[in-house]
Amino acid sequence: MKYIDEFRDGEVAKGIAQAIAAEARPDRRYQLMEFCGGHTHAISRYGVADLLPPPVAMIHGPGCPVCVLPIGRVDLAIQLALEQRAIVATYGDCLRVPASNGLSLLKAKARGGDVRMVYTPADALALAAAHPDREVVFFAIGFETTTPPTALVIQQAAQRGLTNFSVVCNHVLTPAAITHILESPEVRRYGTLPLDGFIGPAHVSTVIGSQPYEYFAEEYRKPVVIAGFEPLDVMLAILMLVRQINEGRAEVENEFSRAVTREGNLKAQALVSEVFELRRTFEWRGLGEVPYSALAIRAAYAAFDAERRFGLVTRPVADNKACECGAILRGVKHPRDCKVFGTVCTPENPIGSCMVSSEGACAAHYSYGRFKDVPISAG
């Protein structure tokens, strides 16, 4: 398959692995964070970590939108379904995120809430058109990749006069999260680790471009290589980071040049800017309150803001004490460090959000790598 198989060639992968091993100095460590959950999934699925020499370590970042969604925001959607009797539409992964009181959106549906899985925001808009007598709320999540489609349906709802449609906006921003990881005293208090470089996300960068990452290279002296999601993309990005570190460089390089430009998608950026504005602060699971890291619906489109329409108030809720999702999202702990991983907490019965989405570090590791790490008893 053109543009797929050539990026999964095992012989080429071995060649890149040999180059990484030859250039990685044995007297130092290379702590590299892949921010995006898509990269975490690829690394686990294709065994990329197994091909890396001991000095090179991959650290999982908080780039899974389902994983970083705090419990209090999921509670809002459940409240809408059970108390306001609205039709709540959202993506499939959101349905299983654990919330307060042992609930999730899927369990709220079992209790009689009208919760629907959709594939796109346009599906939610179609529900509003098909049910003019019902309030339809789209529970929107995602990084910069999924933000333009949400902005578009809000525009379309305004143009079509669909007054029964609104959105709970949970869209969050990649650069703000990276900054928070690098400099926030709050995050450091929770525990952190030195990072030598970042693999920049693929789909996010098609929208925002490579320019926003230049700040990290200049201000923090951390190299960034934007990479596609195929295994050879990731391995080449690792090699590029190792070379930058060895040469004392801290630059933004674009391995994913077949899809990403420096400027990004200007039309999508303009659409998002028209509909959304920055929130002063937003809670991320594992990172706490992160300034200017999320979007809110502008006053011009306030009629389609479910938080205003229903008077919703987000209340902070602590994670399950047995769950290590917060530390895993910060890269401080590995999924195997969590006591409930693979036992009480599985993809079929997730205790924490990192086990829900396929992009979550725990779900990826459970599906593709955990049996290597779990010792087998003699009995």
Protein backbone atom coordinates (compact mmCIF):
# COMPACT_ATOMS: atom_id res chain seq x y z
CA MET A 1 0.00 0.00 0.00
CA LYS A 2 1.65 3.20 -1.16
CA TYR A 3 2.64 5.66 1.59
CA ILE A 4 2.05 3.02 4.28
CA ASP A 5 4.10 -0.12 3.63
CA GLU A 6 7.24 1.85 2.84
CA PHE A 7 7.09 3.36 6.31
CA ARG A 8 6.81 -0.09 7.94
CA ASP A 9 9.75 -1.80 6.21
CA GLY A 10 11.55 -4.01 8.75
CA GLU A 11 14.90 -3.96 6.97
CA VAL A 12 14.90 -0.17 6.81
CA ALA A 13 13.98 -0.11 10.50
CA LYS A 14 17.00 -2.26 11.32
CA GLY A 15 19.23 0.12 9.40
CA ILE A 16 17.91 3.15 11.29
CA ALA A 17 18.28 1.26 14.58
CA GLN A 18 21.91 0.53 13.75
CA ALA A 19 22.48 4.21 13.01
CA ILE A 20 20.92 5.21 16.34
CA ALA A 21 23.08 2.67 18.19
CA ALA A 22 26.21 3.91 16.42
CA GLU A 23 25.54 7.56 17.21
CA ALA A 24 24.14 7.27 20.75
CA ARG A 25 27.02 7.82 23.16
CA PRO A 26 27.23 5.15 25.87
CA ASP A 27 28.37 7.71 28.46
CA ARG A 28 25.13 9.68 28.45
CA ARG A 29 21.36 9.26 28.51
CA TYR A 30 18.90 10.49 25.89
CA GLN A 31 15.52 11.08 27.59
CA LEU A 32 13.10 11.72 24.73
CA MET A 33 9.40 12.44 25.23
CA GLU A 34 6.89 11.54 22.56
CA PHE A 35 4.12 13.96 23.41
CA CYS A 36 1.40 12.47 21.25
CA GLY A 37 -0.59 9.37 22.12
CA GLY A 38 -0.46 8.32 18.48
CA HIS A 39 3.30 8.02 18.77
CA THR A 40 2.97 6.09 22.05
CA HIS A 41 0.66 3.67 20.27
CA ALA A 42 3.08 3.26 17.35
CA ILE A 43 6.08 2.73 19.64
CA SER A 44 4.25 -0.02 21.54
CA ARG A 45 2.59 -1.63 18.54
CA TYR A 46 5.69 -1.90 16.38
CA GLY A 47 8.21 -2.60 19.14
CA VAL A 48 10.24 0.55 18.44
CA ALA A 49 11.60 0.65 21.99
CA ASP A 50 13.05 -2.85 21.54
CA LEU A 51 15.22 -1.57 18.69
CA LEU A 52 16.75 1.29 20.68
CA PRO A 53 20.14 1.10 22.44
CA PRO A 54 20.22 1.35 26.28
CA PRO A 55 21.19 5.07 26.38
CA VAL A 56 17.98 6.07 24.53
CA ALA A 57 14.79 6.09 26.60
CA MET A 58 11.32 7.02 25.39
CA ILE A 59 9.11 8.85 27.88
CA HIS A 60 5.34 8.88 27.39
CA GLY A 61 3.79 12.35 27.39
CA PRO A 62 0.28 13.70 28.02
CA GLY A 63 -0.78 13.80 24.36
CA CYS A 64 -3.89 11.63 24.64
CA PRO A 65 -6.97 13.91 24.78
CA VAL A 66 -9.13 11.32 26.51
CA CYS A 67 -6.42 10.67 29.10
CA VAL A 68 -5.96 14.31 30.14
CA LEU A 69 -9.69 14.97 30.48
CA PRO A 70 -10.35 15.59 34.20
CA ILE A 71 -13.13 13.76 36.00
CA GLY A 72 -15.03 16.98 36.67
CA ARG A 73 -15.51 17.62 32.96
CA VAL A 74 -16.91 14.12 32.35
CA ASP A 75 -19.28 14.74 35.26
CA LEU A 76 -20.71 17.70 33.31
CA ALA A 77 -21.67 15.44 30.42
CA ILE A 78 -23.26 12.91 32.77
CA GLN A 79 -25.18 15.73 34.44
CA LEU A 80 -26.53 16.84 31.08
CA ALA A 81 -27.67 13.32 30.22
CA LEU A 82 -29.23 12.36 33.57
CA GLU A 83 -30.44 15.67 35.01
CA GLN A 84 -31.07 17.88 31.98
CA ARG A 85 -32.29 14.92 29.88
CA ALA A 86 -30.34 16.19 26.91
CA ILE A 87 -29.06 14.02 24.09
CA VAL A 88 -25.31 13.92 24.73
CA ALA A 89 -23.20 13.03 21.71
CA THR A 90 -19.47 12.34 21.87
CA TYR A 91 -16.67 10.16 20.55
CA GLY A 92 -16.56 6.48 21.48
CA ASP A 93 -13.50 6.69 23.76
CA CYS A 94 -15.21 9.28 25.95
CA LEU A 95 -18.03 6.92 26.83
CA ARG A 96 -15.82 4.74 29.04
CA VAL A 97 -13.80 7.38 30.91
CA PRO A 98 -14.30 6.80 34.66
CA ALA A 99 -16.10 9.66 36.39
CA SER A 100 -17.47 10.33 39.89
CA ASN A 101 -19.52 7.85 41.90
CA GLY A 102 -18.43 4.91 39.79
CA LEU A 103 -20.15 6.34 36.74
CA SER A 104 -19.11 6.87 33.13
CA LEU A 105 -21.12 8.10 30.18
CA LEU A 106 -21.71 4.48 29.19
CA LYS A 107 -23.07 3.68 32.65
CA ALA A 108 -25.17 6.85 32.54
CA LYS A 109 -26.66 5.52 29.31
CA ALA A 110 -27.50 2.28 31.11
CA ARG A 111 -29.33 4.37 33.72
CA GLY A 112 -31.55 5.90 31.07
CA GLY A 113 -29.47 8.82 29.84
CA ASP A 114 -29.64 9.47 26.12
CA VAL A 115 -25.93 9.17 25.27
CA ARG A 116 -24.91 8.64 21.67
CA MET A 117 -21.58 7.78 20.08
CA VAL A 118 -20.69 9.86 17.02
CA TYR A 119 -17.76 9.76 14.64
CA THR A 120 -17.71 13.46 13.77
CA PRO A 121 -19.16 16.72 15.12
CA ALA A 122 -21.32 16.80 11.99
CA ASP A 123 -23.09 13.67 13.27
CA ALA A 124 -24.03 15.56 16.44
CA LEU A 125 -25.34 18.47 14.38
CA ALA A 126 -27.44 16.04 12.35
CA LEU A 127 -28.94 14.73 15.59
CA ALA A 128 -30.02 18.26 16.51
CA ALA A 129 -31.65 18.71 13.10
CA ALA A 130 -33.42 15.35 13.43
CA HIS A 131 -34.69 16.04 16.97
CA PRO A 132 -35.80 19.70 17.06
CA ASP A 133 -37.77 19.04 20.25
CA ARG A 134 -34.67 17.89 22.20
CA GLU A 135 -31.55 19.62 23.45
CA VAL A 136 -28.54 18.06 21.76
CA VAL A 137 -25.11 18.65 23.31
CA PHE A 138 -21.84 17.70 21.65
CA PHE A 139 -19.17 16.87 24.24
CA ALA A 140 -16.11 18.01 22.29
CA ILE A 141 -12.59 16.88 23.12
CA GLY A 142 -9.23 16.86 21.42
CA PHE A 143 -6.10 18.81 20.62
CA GLU A 144 -5.70 21.20 17.71
CA THR A 145 -6.46 18.41 15.22
CA THR A 146 -10.14 18.02 16.13
CA THR A 147 -10.82 21.68 16.97
CA PRO A 148 -11.59 22.98 13.43
CA PRO A 149 -14.45 20.48 12.85
CA THR A 150 -16.04 21.59 16.14
CA ALA A 151 -15.70 25.23 15.15
CA LEU A 152 -17.29 24.45 11.79
CA VAL A 153 -20.42 22.82 13.25
CA ILE A 154 -20.91 25.74 15.65
CA GLN A 155 -20.79 28.07 12.66
CA GLN A 156 -23.21 25.86 10.75
CA ALA A 157 -25.61 25.66 13.70
CA ALA A 158 -25.67 29.46 13.81
CA GLN A 159 -26.26 29.71 10.06
CA ARG A 160 -29.06 27.12 10.15
CA GLY A 161 -30.68 28.49 13.30
CA LEU A 162 -30.44 25.20 15.18
CA THR A 163 -31.19 26.62 18.60
CA ASN A 164 -31.34 23.18 20.25
CA PHE A 165 -27.65 22.49 19.58
CA SER A 166 -24.77 23.36 21.92
CA VAL A 167 -21.22 22.25 22.73
CA VAL A 168 -19.24 21.52 25.88
CA CYS A 169 -15.79 22.58 24.73
CA ASN A 170 -12.85 20.58 26.12
CA HIS A 171 -10.37 21.38 23.36
CA VAL A 172 -6.82 21.73 24.68
CA LEU A 173 -3.55 23.04 23.25
CA THR A 174 -0.28 21.20 22.76
CA PRO A 175 2.32 24.01 23.19
CA ALA A 176 0.90 25.14 26.53
CA ALA A 177 1.14 21.61 27.92
CA ILE A 178 4.77 21.23 26.84
CA THR A 179 5.62 24.58 28.47
CA HIS A 180 3.90 23.48 31.66
CA ILE A 181 5.87 20.25 31.78
CA LEU A 182 9.14 22.14 31.33
CA GLU A 183 8.66 24.98 33.80
CA SER A 184 5.68 24.61 36.12
CA PRO A 185 6.61 24.47 39.86
CA GLU A 186 3.35 22.58 40.47
CA VAL A 187 4.28 19.82 38.05
CA ARG A 188 7.80 19.62 39.46
CA ARG A 189 6.34 19.26 42.93
CA TYR A 190 4.41 16.20 41.74
CA GLY A 191 7.66 14.76 40.41
CA THR A 192 9.36 15.16 37.07
CA LEU A 193 12.44 14.04 35.19
CA PRO A 194 14.98 15.65 32.88
CA LEU A 195 14.01 15.69 29.23
CA ASP A 196 16.51 16.07 26.40
CA GLY A 197 14.14 16.45 23.46
CA PHE A 198 10.62 16.02 22.10
CA ILE A 199 9.00 14.17 19.24
CA GLY A 200 6.42 16.68 18.03
CA PRO A 201 2.91 15.46 17.17
CA ALA A 202 1.94 14.73 13.59
CA HIS A 203 -1.73 15.58 13.06
CA VAL A 204 -1.64 18.55 15.45
CA SER A 205 1.26 20.00 13.49
CA THR A 206 -0.60 19.78 10.19
CA VAL A 207 -2.92 22.39 11.69
CA ILE A 208 -0.61 24.63 13.76
CA GLY A 209 2.59 24.08 11.75
CA SER A 210 6.10 23.73 13.11
CA GLN A 211 6.57 27.37 14.11
CA PRO A 212 4.99 27.15 17.62
CA TYR A 213 7.68 24.66 18.71
CA GLU A 214 10.51 27.08 17.95
CA TYR A 215 9.94 28.67 21.36
CA PHE A 216 10.94 25.46 23.17
CA ALA A 217 14.09 25.10 21.14
CA GLU A 218 15.13 28.70 21.75
CA GLU A 219 13.95 29.24 25.33
CA TYR A 220 14.61 25.83 26.88
CA ARG A 221 17.32 24.51 24.55
CA LYS A 222 15.22 21.41 23.82
CA PRO A 223 15.28 20.01 20.28
CA VAL A 224 11.97 19.10 18.68
CA VAL A 225 11.47 16.80 15.70
CA ILE A 226 7.97 16.61 14.26
CA ALA A 227 7.28 13.05 13.13
CA GLY A 228 4.59 11.05 11.37
CA PHE A 229 2.88 8.13 13.08
CA GLU A 230 4.44 5.25 11.16
CA PRO A 231 7.27 3.31 12.86
CA LEU A 232 9.96 4.50 10.46
CA ASP A 233 8.82 8.09 11.00
CA VAL A 234 9.31 7.69 14.73
CA MET A 235 12.68 5.97 14.42
CA LEU A 236 14.02 8.59 12.04
CA ALA A 237 12.86 11.31 14.44
CA ILE A 238 14.75 9.59 17.27
CA LEU A 239 17.88 9.50 15.14
CA MET A 240 17.49 13.19 14.31
CA LEU A 241 17.10 14.04 18.01
CA VAL A 242 20.17 12.00 18.98
CA ARG A 243 22.19 13.87 16.36
CA GLN A 244 20.97 17.25 17.57
CA ILE A 245 21.82 16.42 21.17
CA ASN A 246 25.27 15.13 20.25
CA GLU A 247 25.99 18.28 18.26
CA GLY A 248 24.70 20.60 20.98
CA ARG A 249 21.91 21.88 18.77
CA ALA A 250 18.36 22.72 19.83
CA GLU A 251 16.28 23.24 16.71
CA VAL A 252 12.89 22.36 15.30
CA GLU A 253 13.21 19.81 12.53
CA ASN A 254 10.37 18.45 10.43
CA GLU A 255 10.58 14.74 9.60
CA PHE A 256 6.90 14.81 8.57
CA SER A 257 7.48 17.24 5.72
CA ARG A 258 5.07 15.32 3.49
CA ALA A 259 2.19 16.76 5.55
CA VAL A 260 3.50 19.56 7.83
CA THR A 261 4.66 23.05 6.91
CA ARG A 262 6.08 25.81 9.10
CA GLU A 263 2.89 27.89 8.83
CA GLY A 264 0.37 25.06 9.12
CA ASN A 265 -3.21 25.21 7.85
CA LEU A 266 -4.02 28.92 7.87
CA LYS A 267 -7.66 28.41 6.88
CA ALA A 268 -8.24 26.04 9.81
CA GLN A 269 -6.45 28.42 12.17
CA ALA A 270 -8.67 31.31 11.06
CA LEU A 271 -11.82 29.24 11.59
CA VAL A 272 -10.76 28.27 15.09
CA SER A 273 -9.85 31.87 15.93
CA GLU A 274 -13.26 33.11 14.86
CA VAL A 275 -15.22 30.68 17.02
CA PHE A 276 -12.93 30.11 20.02
CA GLU A 277 -10.84 32.12 22.44
CA LEU A 278 -8.27 31.15 25.07
CA ARG A 279 -9.37 30.14 28.55
CA ARG A 280 -7.31 31.73 31.30
CA THR A 281 -6.80 28.32 32.86
CA PHE A 282 -7.98 24.73 32.43
CA GLU A 283 -7.50 21.58 34.48
CA TRP A 284 -5.58 18.71 32.90
CA ARG A 285 -5.51 15.30 34.47
CA GLY A 286 -1.98 14.75 35.74
CA LEU A 287 -0.85 18.34 35.18
CA GLY A 288 -3.31 20.30 37.32
CA GLU A 289 -4.35 23.80 36.26
CA VAL A 290 -2.51 24.84 33.09
CA PRO A 291 -2.73 28.54 32.10
CA TYR A 292 -3.97 29.41 28.60
CA SER A 293 -4.03 25.76 27.61
CA ALA A 294 -7.60 25.34 26.39
CA LEU A 295 -10.29 27.00 24.31
CA ALA A 296 -13.69 28.43 25.15
CA ILE A 297 -16.50 29.47 22.81
CA ARG A 298 -16.48 33.19 22.03
CA ALA A 299 -19.32 35.48 23.13
CA ALA A 300 -20.47 35.83 19.51
CA TYR A 301 -21.41 32.15 19.61
CA ALA A 302 -22.52 32.05 23.26
CA ALA A 303 -25.91 30.64 22.28
CA PHE A 304 -24.12 27.40 21.39
CA ASP A 305 -22.05 27.18 24.58
CA ALA A 306 -23.58 24.44 26.73
CA GLU A 307 -21.72 25.63 29.82
CA ARG A 308 -23.50 28.99 29.61
CA ARG A 309 -26.84 27.59 28.44
CA PHE A 310 -27.17 25.10 31.29
CA GLY A 311 -25.18 27.00 33.95
CA LEU A 312 -22.62 24.21 34.21
CA VAL A 313 -19.89 24.53 36.84
CA THR A 314 -16.84 22.26 36.78
CA ARG A 315 -15.84 20.89 40.17
CA PRO A 316 -12.40 19.36 40.69
CA VAL A 317 -12.52 15.65 41.54
CA ALA A 318 -9.54 13.63 42.77
CA ASP A 319 -8.46 10.59 40.80
CA ASN A 320 -8.80 7.08 42.17
CA LYS A 321 -6.05 6.68 44.78
CA ALA A 322 -4.92 3.37 43.28
CA CYS A 323 -4.48 4.92 39.83
CA GLU A 324 -1.13 6.30 38.63
CA CYS A 325 -2.48 8.01 35.50
CA GLY A 326 -1.32 11.44 36.69
CA ALA A 327 2.30 10.34 37.07
CA ILE A 328 2.18 8.36 33.82
CA LEU A 329 0.88 11.41 31.91
CA ARG A 330 3.81 13.45 33.24
CA GLY A 331 6.26 10.76 32.17
CA VAL A 332 7.39 10.20 35.76
CA LYS A 333 6.08 6.63 35.91
CA HIS A 334 5.65 3.79 33.46
CA PRO A 335 2.37 1.84 33.20
CA ARG A 336 4.02 -1.20 34.81
CA ASP A 337 4.71 0.96 37.91
CA CYS A 338 0.97 1.10 38.64
CA LYS A 339 -0.21 -1.59 41.05
CA VAL A 340 -3.60 -2.01 39.36
CA PHE A 341 -2.24 -2.14 35.81
CA GLY A 342 -3.29 -5.32 34.01
CA THR A 343 -5.05 -6.71 37.06
CA VAL A 344 -7.94 -4.59 38.31
CA CYS A 345 -7.40 -2.04 35.53
CA THR A 346 -7.75 -3.34 31.97
CA PRO A 347 -9.20 -1.90 28.74
CA GLU A 348 -12.43 -3.79 29.48
CA ASN A 349 -12.59 -2.36 33.03
CA PRO A 350 -10.54 0.86 33.11
CA ILE A 351 -9.85 2.40 36.51
CA GLY A 352 -7.96 5.34 34.98
CA SER A 353 -8.25 7.29 31.75
CA CYS A 354 -4.87 6.07 30.41
CA MET A 355 -6.39 2.61 29.97
CA VAL A 356 -9.44 3.85 28.03
CA SER A 357 -8.21 5.19 24.70
CA SER A 358 -5.98 3.18 22.38
CA GLU A 359 -3.68 6.23 22.47
CA GLY A 360 -3.35 6.00 26.24
CA ALA A 361 0.01 4.74 27.48
CA CYS A 362 -1.54 2.02 29.65
CA ALA A 363 -3.87 0.73 26.92
CA ALA A 364 -1.04 0.69 24.36
CA HIS A 365 1.32 -1.07 26.74
CA TYR A 366 -1.34 -3.58 27.79
CA SER A 367 -2.21 -4.40 24.18
CA TYR A 368 1.31 -4.65 22.79
CA GLY A 369 3.93 -4.87 25.48
CA ARG A 370 2.90 -5.67 29.02
CA PHE A 371 3.61 -9.40 28.94
CA LYS A 372 7.33 -8.69 28.44
CA ASP A 373 7.36 -6.71 31.65
CA VAL A 374 5.21 -8.89 33.89
CA PRO A 375 7.32 -11.66 35.46
CA ILE A 376 5.96 -15.18 34.97
CA SER A 377 5.81 -17.19 38.16
CA ALA A 378 7.30 -20.67 38.24
CA GLY A 379 4.02 -22.09 39.40
